[in-house]
Amino acid sequence: MDNPTAQTPALDGAPHASLSLPDEERPVVSTHVLVEHEKVEELRELSRRTRVAQSEYLREAVDDLLSKYHRIKDDE
């Protein structure tokens, strides 16, 4: 991928940023989730203020959630 932030058309024809890999260059997949509008707005504002990509925050949240449930499983 020459320019990981280049604008490419989405399936619906709307432009969106191309997928960029996390710092570790691990393979990633795209997924779709439904989130309450208020939480999406808060995430957007956090991302705007901190200049950290929303996707980075979401990956961190998934990592935290999986870590939490792995600890619970290990305690059983």
N, C-alpha and C. Protein backbone atom coordinates (compact mmCIF):
# COMPACT_ATOMS: atom_id res chain seq x y z
N MET A 1 0.85 -1.17 0.00
CA MET A 1 0.00 0.00 0.00
C MET A 1 0.89 1.23 0.00
N ASP A 2 0.88 2.01 -1.03
CA ASP A 2 1.77 3.16 -1.15
C ASP A 2 1.41 4.28 -0.20
N ASN A 3 0.13 4.62 -0.11
CA ASN A 3 -0.31 5.70 0.75
C ASN A 3 -1.46 5.19 1.60
N PRO A 4 -1.19 4.77 2.85
CA PRO A 4 -2.22 4.16 3.67
C PRO A 4 -3.36 5.09 4.05
N THR A 5 -3.21 6.39 3.85
CA THR A 5 -4.30 7.30 4.20
C THR A 5 -4.95 7.91 2.98
N ALA A 6 -4.69 7.38 1.80
CA ALA A 6 -5.29 7.90 0.57
C ALA A 6 -6.81 7.71 0.61
N GLN A 7 -7.50 8.62 -0.02
CA GLN A 7 -8.95 8.53 -0.09
C GLN A 7 -9.35 7.54 -1.18
N THR A 8 -10.19 6.59 -0.82
CA THR A 8 -10.69 5.61 -1.78
C THR A 8 -12.19 5.55 -1.66
N PRO A 9 -12.91 5.21 -2.72
CA PRO A 9 -14.37 5.16 -2.62
C PRO A 9 -14.82 3.95 -1.81
N ALA A 10 -15.82 4.16 -0.96
CA ALA A 10 -16.42 3.07 -0.21
C ALA A 10 -17.38 2.32 -1.13
N LEU A 11 -17.92 1.22 -0.63
CA LEU A 11 -18.86 0.44 -1.44
C LEU A 11 -20.06 1.27 -1.87
N ASP A 12 -20.47 2.22 -1.03
CA ASP A 12 -21.62 3.05 -1.38
C ASP A 12 -21.22 4.26 -2.22
N GLY A 13 -19.93 4.35 -2.59
CA GLY A 13 -19.46 5.44 -3.42
C GLY A 13 -18.92 6.63 -2.64
N ALA A 14 -19.14 6.65 -1.31
CA ALA A 14 -18.65 7.76 -0.50
C ALA A 14 -17.16 7.58 -0.25
N PRO A 15 -16.39 8.68 -0.24
CA PRO A 15 -14.96 8.54 0.02
C PRO A 15 -14.71 8.18 1.48
N HIS A 16 -13.67 7.42 1.73
CA HIS A 16 -13.24 7.11 3.09
C HIS A 16 -11.75 6.84 3.07
N ALA A 17 -11.13 6.95 4.23
CA ALA A 17 -9.68 6.70 4.31
C ALA A 17 -9.42 5.22 4.14
N SER A 18 -8.37 4.90 3.43
CA SER A 18 -7.96 3.51 3.27
C SER A 18 -7.50 2.94 4.60
N LEU A 19 -7.54 1.65 4.70
CA LEU A 19 -7.10 0.95 5.89
C LEU A 19 -5.61 1.17 6.11
N SER A 20 -5.25 1.54 7.32
CA SER A 20 -3.83 1.60 7.66
C SER A 20 -3.59 0.62 8.79
N LEU A 21 -2.46 -0.06 8.74
CA LEU A 21 -2.15 -1.08 9.72
C LEU A 21 -1.65 -0.46 11.01
N PRO A 22 -1.89 -1.12 12.13
CA PRO A 22 -1.33 -0.64 13.39
C PRO A 22 0.19 -0.65 13.32
N ASP A 23 0.83 -0.02 14.28
CA ASP A 23 2.29 0.08 14.29
C ASP A 23 2.98 -1.28 14.16
N GLU A 24 2.38 -2.32 14.71
CA GLU A 24 3.00 -3.63 14.68
C GLU A 24 2.93 -4.28 13.30
N GLU A 25 2.23 -3.67 12.36
CA GLU A 25 2.09 -4.21 11.00
C GLU A 25 1.45 -5.61 10.98
N ARG A 26 0.58 -5.86 11.93
CA ARG A 26 -0.14 -7.14 11.96
C ARG A 26 -1.26 -7.10 10.93
N PRO A 27 -1.59 -8.26 10.35
CA PRO A 27 -2.73 -8.28 9.44
C PRO A 27 -4.01 -7.90 10.19
N VAL A 28 -4.85 -7.13 9.56
CA VAL A 28 -6.11 -6.71 10.19
C VAL A 28 -7.27 -6.99 9.24
N VAL A 29 -8.46 -7.06 9.80
CA VAL A 29 -9.66 -7.21 9.00
C VAL A 29 -10.62 -6.09 9.36
N SER A 30 -11.48 -5.78 8.44
CA SER A 30 -12.49 -4.77 8.67
C SER A 30 -13.72 -5.43 9.27
N THR A 31 -14.36 -4.74 10.20
CA THR A 31 -15.59 -5.25 10.80
C THR A 31 -16.59 -4.11 10.92
N HIS A 32 -17.82 -4.46 11.18
CA HIS A 32 -18.89 -3.48 11.28
C HIS A 32 -19.62 -3.70 12.59
N VAL A 33 -19.78 -2.65 13.37
CA VAL A 33 -20.51 -2.75 14.64
C VAL A 33 -21.51 -1.60 14.73
N LEU A 34 -22.56 -1.83 15.48
CA LEU A 34 -23.55 -0.79 15.74
C LEU A 34 -23.27 -0.22 17.13
N VAL A 35 -23.13 1.10 17.20
CA VAL A 35 -22.81 1.78 18.44
C VAL A 35 -23.79 2.93 18.61
N GLU A 36 -24.18 3.18 19.85
CA GLU A 36 -25.11 4.29 20.12
C GLU A 36 -24.53 5.60 19.59
N HIS A 37 -25.40 6.40 19.00
CA HIS A 37 -24.99 7.66 18.38
C HIS A 37 -24.19 8.53 19.35
N GLU A 38 -24.64 8.64 20.58
CA GLU A 38 -23.96 9.48 21.57
C GLU A 38 -22.52 9.01 21.80
N LYS A 39 -22.30 7.70 21.85
CA LYS A 39 -20.96 7.17 22.06
C LYS A 39 -20.07 7.40 20.85
N VAL A 40 -20.65 7.32 19.66
CA VAL A 40 -19.87 7.61 18.44
C VAL A 40 -19.42 9.07 18.44
N GLU A 41 -20.32 9.96 18.83
CA GLU A 41 -19.97 11.38 18.88
C GLU A 41 -18.87 11.63 19.91
N GLU A 42 -18.95 10.97 21.07
CA GLU A 42 -17.91 11.12 22.09
C GLU A 42 -16.57 10.60 21.58
N LEU A 43 -16.60 9.46 20.89
CA LEU A 43 -15.37 8.90 20.33
C LEU A 43 -14.77 9.83 19.29
N ARG A 44 -15.61 10.38 18.43
CA ARG A 44 -15.13 11.33 17.41
C ARG A 44 -14.47 12.54 18.07
N GLU A 45 -15.12 13.07 19.11
CA GLU A 45 -14.58 14.25 19.79
C GLU A 45 -13.25 13.91 20.48
N LEU A 46 -13.17 12.75 21.13
CA LEU A 46 -11.93 12.32 21.75
C LEU A 46 -10.83 12.20 20.71
N SER A 47 -11.14 11.58 19.61
CA SER A 47 -10.18 11.40 18.52
C SER A 47 -9.73 12.75 17.97
N ARG A 48 -10.65 13.66 17.81
CA ARG A 48 -10.32 14.99 17.30
C ARG A 48 -9.39 15.73 18.26
N ARG A 49 -9.73 15.68 19.56
CA ARG A 49 -8.93 16.40 20.57
C ARG A 49 -7.53 15.81 20.72
N THR A 50 -7.43 14.50 20.69
CA THR A 50 -6.15 13.84 20.96
C THR A 50 -5.35 13.53 19.71
N ARG A 51 -6.01 13.64 18.55
CA ARG A 51 -5.39 13.30 17.26
C ARG A 51 -4.94 11.84 17.21
N VAL A 52 -5.70 11.00 17.90
CA VAL A 52 -5.51 9.54 17.85
C VAL A 52 -6.69 8.99 17.07
N ALA A 53 -6.41 8.13 16.10
CA ALA A 53 -7.47 7.59 15.24
C ALA A 53 -8.51 6.83 16.06
N GLN A 54 -9.76 6.98 15.64
CA GLN A 54 -10.85 6.24 16.29
C GLN A 54 -10.57 4.74 16.25
N SER A 55 -10.05 4.26 15.15
CA SER A 55 -9.76 2.83 15.01
C SER A 55 -8.72 2.38 16.04
N GLU A 56 -7.79 3.26 16.37
CA GLU A 56 -6.77 2.92 17.38
C GLU A 56 -7.44 2.76 18.75
N TYR A 57 -8.35 3.66 19.08
CA TYR A 57 -9.08 3.54 20.34
C TYR A 57 -9.93 2.27 20.37
N LEU A 58 -10.55 1.94 19.25
CA LEU A 58 -11.38 0.74 19.21
C LEU A 58 -10.54 -0.52 19.34
N ARG A 59 -9.37 -0.56 18.71
CA ARG A 59 -8.48 -1.72 18.87
C ARG A 59 -8.04 -1.86 20.32
N GLU A 60 -7.75 -0.73 20.96
CA GLU A 60 -7.36 -0.76 22.37
C GLU A 60 -8.50 -1.29 23.24
N ALA A 61 -9.72 -0.85 22.95
CA ALA A 61 -10.88 -1.32 23.71
C ALA A 61 -11.09 -2.83 23.55
N VAL A 62 -10.92 -3.34 22.34
CA VAL A 62 -11.06 -4.78 22.10
C VAL A 62 -9.97 -5.52 22.85
N ASP A 63 -8.74 -5.03 22.80
CA ASP A 63 -7.64 -5.67 23.53
C ASP A 63 -7.95 -5.71 25.03
N ASP A 64 -8.43 -4.58 25.58
CA ASP A 64 -8.77 -4.53 27.01
C ASP A 64 -9.88 -5.51 27.36
N LEU A 65 -10.90 -5.58 26.53
CA LEU A 65 -12.02 -6.49 26.78
C LEU A 65 -11.56 -7.94 26.75
N LEU A 66 -10.79 -8.30 25.74
CA LEU A 66 -10.31 -9.68 25.64
C LEU A 66 -9.39 -10.02 26.81
N SER A 67 -8.56 -9.09 27.21
CA SER A 67 -7.68 -9.30 28.35
C SER A 67 -8.50 -9.53 29.62
N LYS A 68 -9.52 -8.73 29.80
CA LYS A 68 -10.40 -8.87 30.96
C LYS A 68 -11.03 -10.26 31.01
N TYR A 69 -11.55 -10.72 29.91
CA TYR A 69 -12.23 -12.02 29.90
C TYR A 69 -11.25 -13.18 29.93
N HIS A 70 -10.04 -12.99 29.45
CA HIS A 70 -9.03 -14.03 29.61
C HIS A 70 -8.66 -14.21 31.07
N ARG A 71 -8.58 -13.08 31.81
CA ARG A 71 -8.29 -13.16 33.25
C ARG A 71 -9.41 -13.89 33.97
N ILE A 72 -10.65 -13.61 33.62
CA ILE A 72 -11.79 -14.26 34.26
C ILE A 72 -11.74 -15.76 33.97
N LYS A 73 -11.46 -16.13 32.72
CA LYS A 73 -11.39 -17.54 32.35
C LYS A 73 -10.25 -18.23 33.11
N ASP A 74 -9.12 -17.55 33.24
CA ASP A 74 -7.97 -18.13 33.94
C ASP A 74 -8.25 -18.32 35.43
N ASP A 75 -9.12 -17.48 36.00
CA ASP A 75 -9.45 -17.58 37.42
C ASP A 75 -10.43 -18.71 37.71
N GLU A 76 -11.10 -19.23 36.70
CA GLU A 76 -12.09 -20.29 36.91
C GLU A 76 -11.46 -21.61 37.19
